[in-house]
N, C-alpha and C. Protein backbone atom coordinates (compact mmCIF):
# COMPACT_ATOMS: atom_id res chain seq x y z
N MET A 1 6.04 38.24 -42.40
CA MET A 1 7.10 37.72 -42.41
C MET A 1 7.85 39.75 -42.34
N PRO A 2 8.46 39.85 -41.31
CA PRO A 2 9.15 41.29 -41.14
C PRO A 2 10.17 41.60 -41.97
N GLY A 3 10.81 42.91 -42.56
CA GLY A 3 11.07 42.36 -43.62
C GLY A 3 11.08 41.95 -45.54
N LYS A 4 9.83 41.69 -46.05
CA LYS A 4 9.01 41.37 -46.47
C LYS A 4 7.86 42.04 -47.23
N GLU A 5 7.94 43.35 -47.07
CA GLU A 5 6.70 43.99 -47.07
C GLU A 5 6.75 44.46 -48.71
N LYS A 6 8.10 45.15 -49.12
CA LYS A 6 8.01 46.16 -50.30
C LYS A 6 7.68 44.49 -51.31
N GLN A 7 8.67 43.61 -51.23
CA GLN A 7 8.71 42.40 -51.80
C GLN A 7 7.09 41.71 -51.61
N THR A 8 6.59 41.79 -50.76
CA THR A 8 5.39 40.84 -50.99
C THR A 8 4.36 41.95 -51.83
N LEU A 9 4.75 43.89 -51.68
CA LEU A 9 3.15 44.50 -52.29
C LEU A 9 3.96 44.47 -53.97
N GLY A 10 5.01 44.20 -53.95
CA GLY A 10 4.84 44.01 -55.61
C GLY A 10 4.34 43.50 -56.56
N LYS A 11 4.71 41.71 -55.99
CA LYS A 11 3.78 40.34 -55.64
C LYS A 11 2.33 41.11 -55.95
N LEU A 12 1.90 41.42 -55.12
CA LEU A 12 0.31 41.94 -54.92
C LEU A 12 0.19 42.57 -56.07
N LYS A 13 0.63 44.03 -55.98
CA LYS A 13 0.79 44.66 -57.21
C LYS A 13 0.38 44.24 -58.57
N ALA A 14 0.93 43.37 -58.61
CA ALA A 14 1.24 42.14 -60.41
C ALA A 14 -0.54 41.99 -60.36
N LEU A 15 -1.13 41.76 -59.09
CA LEU A 15 -2.39 41.42 -59.43
C LEU A 15 -3.19 41.63 -59.96
N LYS A 16 -4.07 41.73 -61.46
CA LYS A 16 -5.52 42.28 -61.60
C LYS A 16 -6.55 43.39 -61.09
N SER A 17 -6.53 42.20 -60.39
CA SER A 17 -7.69 42.78 -59.51
C SER A 17 -7.91 43.65 -58.23
N VAL A 18 -6.45 43.96 -57.39
CA VAL A 18 -6.26 44.54 -56.89
C VAL A 18 -6.06 46.23 -57.63
N VAL A 19 -7.23 46.85 -56.91
CA VAL A 19 -7.58 48.98 -57.04
C VAL A 19 -6.57 49.36 -56.62
N HIS A 20 -6.56 49.14 -55.41
CA HIS A 20 -5.81 49.84 -54.56
C HIS A 20 -5.31 48.98 -53.60
N MET A 21 -3.61 49.85 -52.89
CA MET A 21 -3.56 48.78 -51.18
C MET A 21 -2.80 50.60 -50.35
N SER A 22 -2.28 49.58 -49.39
CA SER A 22 -1.51 50.57 -48.51
C SER A 22 -1.43 49.60 -47.21
N ALA A 23 -0.21 50.48 -47.05
CA ALA A 23 1.01 49.30 -45.76
C ALA A 23 0.37 50.47 -44.73
N VAL A 24 0.01 49.85 -43.68
CA VAL A 24 -0.58 50.22 -42.47
C VAL A 24 0.35 49.46 -41.28
N PHE A 25 -0.08 50.80 -39.91
CA PHE A 25 0.33 50.02 -38.83
C PHE A 25 -0.58 49.38 -38.40
N GLY A 26 -0.66 48.43 -37.57
CA GLY A 26 -0.74 47.62 -36.29
C GLY A 26 -1.40 45.99 -36.64
N ARG A 27 -2.39 45.74 -36.84
CA ARG A 27 -2.52 43.89 -36.98
C ARG A 27 -2.16 43.26 -38.45
N TRP A 28 -2.32 44.67 -39.37
CA TRP A 28 -2.14 43.92 -41.43
C TRP A 28 -0.83 44.33 -41.05
N ASP A 29 0.12 44.36 -42.37
CA ASP A 29 1.04 45.03 -42.63
C ASP A 29 -0.08 45.68 -43.45
N LEU A 30 -0.64 44.83 -44.83
CA LEU A 30 -0.76 45.65 -45.94
C LEU A 30 -2.46 45.58 -45.71
N VAL A 31 -3.16 46.40 -46.85
CA VAL A 31 -4.69 46.47 -46.87
C VAL A 31 -5.31 47.02 -48.01
N LEU A 32 -5.90 45.54 -48.85
CA LEU A 32 -5.74 45.79 -50.35
C LEU A 32 -7.32 46.33 -50.82
N ASP A 33 -7.49 46.86 -51.41
CA ASP A 33 -8.61 46.65 -52.49
C ASP A 33 -8.93 46.14 -54.16
N MET A 34 -10.07 44.90 -53.71
CA MET A 34 -9.93 44.29 -54.84
C MET A 34 -11.29 44.38 -55.70
N GLU A 35 -11.53 44.26 -57.05
CA GLU A 35 -12.27 44.11 -57.42
C GLU A 35 -12.70 42.47 -58.14
N THR A 36 -13.77 41.88 -58.06
CA THR A 36 -13.58 40.61 -58.97
C THR A 36 -15.48 40.70 -59.66
N ASP A 37 -15.06 39.97 -60.85
CA ASP A 37 -16.70 39.41 -61.57
C ASP A 37 -17.68 38.56 -60.01
N ASP A 38 -17.44 37.90 -59.04
CA ASP A 38 -18.14 37.47 -58.50
C ASP A 38 -17.38 36.93 -56.79
N LEU A 39 -18.23 36.38 -55.76
CA LEU A 39 -17.23 35.51 -55.09
C LEU A 39 -16.76 34.79 -55.10
N PRO A 40 -16.97 33.95 -56.17
CA PRO A 40 -15.96 32.59 -56.46
C PRO A 40 -14.52 32.82 -56.83
N ALA A 41 -14.99 33.89 -57.53
CA ALA A 41 -13.71 34.60 -58.20
C ALA A 41 -12.99 35.00 -57.15
N LEU A 42 -13.22 35.64 -56.38
CA LEU A 42 -12.04 36.65 -55.27
C LEU A 42 -11.84 35.40 -54.36
N SER A 43 -12.57 34.54 -53.70
CA SER A 43 -12.08 33.33 -53.12
C SER A 43 -10.34 32.84 -53.62
N ASN A 44 -11.56 32.27 -55.14
CA ASN A 44 -9.60 31.47 -55.69
C ASN A 44 -9.10 32.55 -55.39
N ILE A 45 -8.93 33.91 -56.62
CA ILE A 45 -7.50 34.64 -56.32
C ILE A 45 -7.00 34.63 -54.72
N VAL A 46 -8.03 34.73 -53.36
CA VAL A 46 -6.98 35.00 -52.06
C VAL A 46 -6.75 33.31 -51.62
N VAL A 47 -7.57 32.51 -51.97
CA VAL A 47 -6.87 31.31 -51.87
C VAL A 47 -5.50 30.54 -52.50
N GLN A 48 -5.96 30.45 -54.11
CA GLN A 48 -4.90 30.37 -54.92
C GLN A 48 -3.83 31.25 -55.10
N GLU A 49 -3.73 31.89 -54.95
CA GLU A 49 -2.64 34.01 -55.41
C GLU A 49 -2.09 34.00 -54.27
N ILE A 50 -3.15 34.38 -53.69
CA ILE A 50 -2.56 35.72 -52.92
C ILE A 50 -1.79 34.63 -51.60
N ARG A 51 -2.44 33.72 -51.43
CA ARG A 51 -2.15 32.73 -49.92
C ARG A 51 -1.06 32.00 -50.39
N SER A 52 -0.50 32.36 -51.51
CA SER A 52 0.79 31.13 -52.16
C SER A 52 2.18 32.33 -52.11
N ILE A 53 1.95 33.42 -51.92
CA ILE A 53 2.87 33.78 -51.15
C ILE A 53 4.46 34.54 -50.22
N PRO A 54 4.94 34.30 -51.16
CA PRO A 54 6.46 34.65 -50.21
C PRO A 54 5.28 35.86 -49.09
N GLY A 55 5.94 35.09 -47.93
CA GLY A 55 5.97 37.24 -46.86
C GLY A 55 3.93 36.53 -46.74
N VAL A 56 2.94 36.08 -47.13
CA VAL A 56 1.91 36.23 -46.29
C VAL A 56 2.22 35.21 -45.61
N LEU A 57 1.22 35.68 -44.41
CA LEU A 57 1.14 34.69 -43.43
C LEU A 57 0.14 33.83 -42.86
N SER A 58 -0.84 35.45 -42.98
CA SER A 58 -2.01 35.37 -43.01
C SER A 58 -3.31 36.12 -44.06
N THR A 59 -4.04 36.18 -43.80
CA THR A 59 -4.90 36.78 -44.86
C THR A 59 -6.98 37.03 -44.07
N GLU A 60 -7.39 38.03 -44.30
CA GLU A 60 -9.11 38.44 -43.41
C GLU A 60 -9.49 39.55 -43.96
N THR A 61 -10.32 38.46 -45.60
CA THR A 61 -11.24 39.45 -46.29
C THR A 61 -12.24 39.36 -45.93
N LEU A 62 -12.71 41.13 -46.11
CA LEU A 62 -14.57 41.65 -46.02
C LEU A 62 -14.75 41.38 -46.92
N VAL A 63 -16.08 41.75 -47.40
CA VAL A 63 -16.76 41.32 -48.95
C VAL A 63 -17.44 43.17 -48.05
N THR A 64 -17.55 44.08 -49.38
CA THR A 64 -18.56 45.01 -49.30
C THR A 64 -19.97 44.79 -50.05
N THR A 65 -21.22 45.84 -48.82
CA THR A 65 -22.25 45.41 -49.37
C THR A 65 -22.64 46.86 -49.49
N SER A 66 -23.78 47.45 -50.55
CA SER A 66 -24.47 48.72 -50.42
C SER A 66 -25.86 47.99 -49.15
N LEU A 67 -25.95 48.68 -48.82
CA LEU A 67 -26.73 49.50 -47.90
C LEU A 67 -28.81 49.99 -48.34
């Protein structure tokens, strides 16, 4: 939701798995880096915690890998 970025940012910063966050212009308002032990833990955080924060209208998860 427009105008909710700072409030949402504060709630996301409180998540222990979040290691970096940036406010950006474009398709998304916020981009964050997270570290979890495994994919099920990541999925749980995104679905149960992040998506339940007021102001979060949608998420897109990109998982990094080594080549």
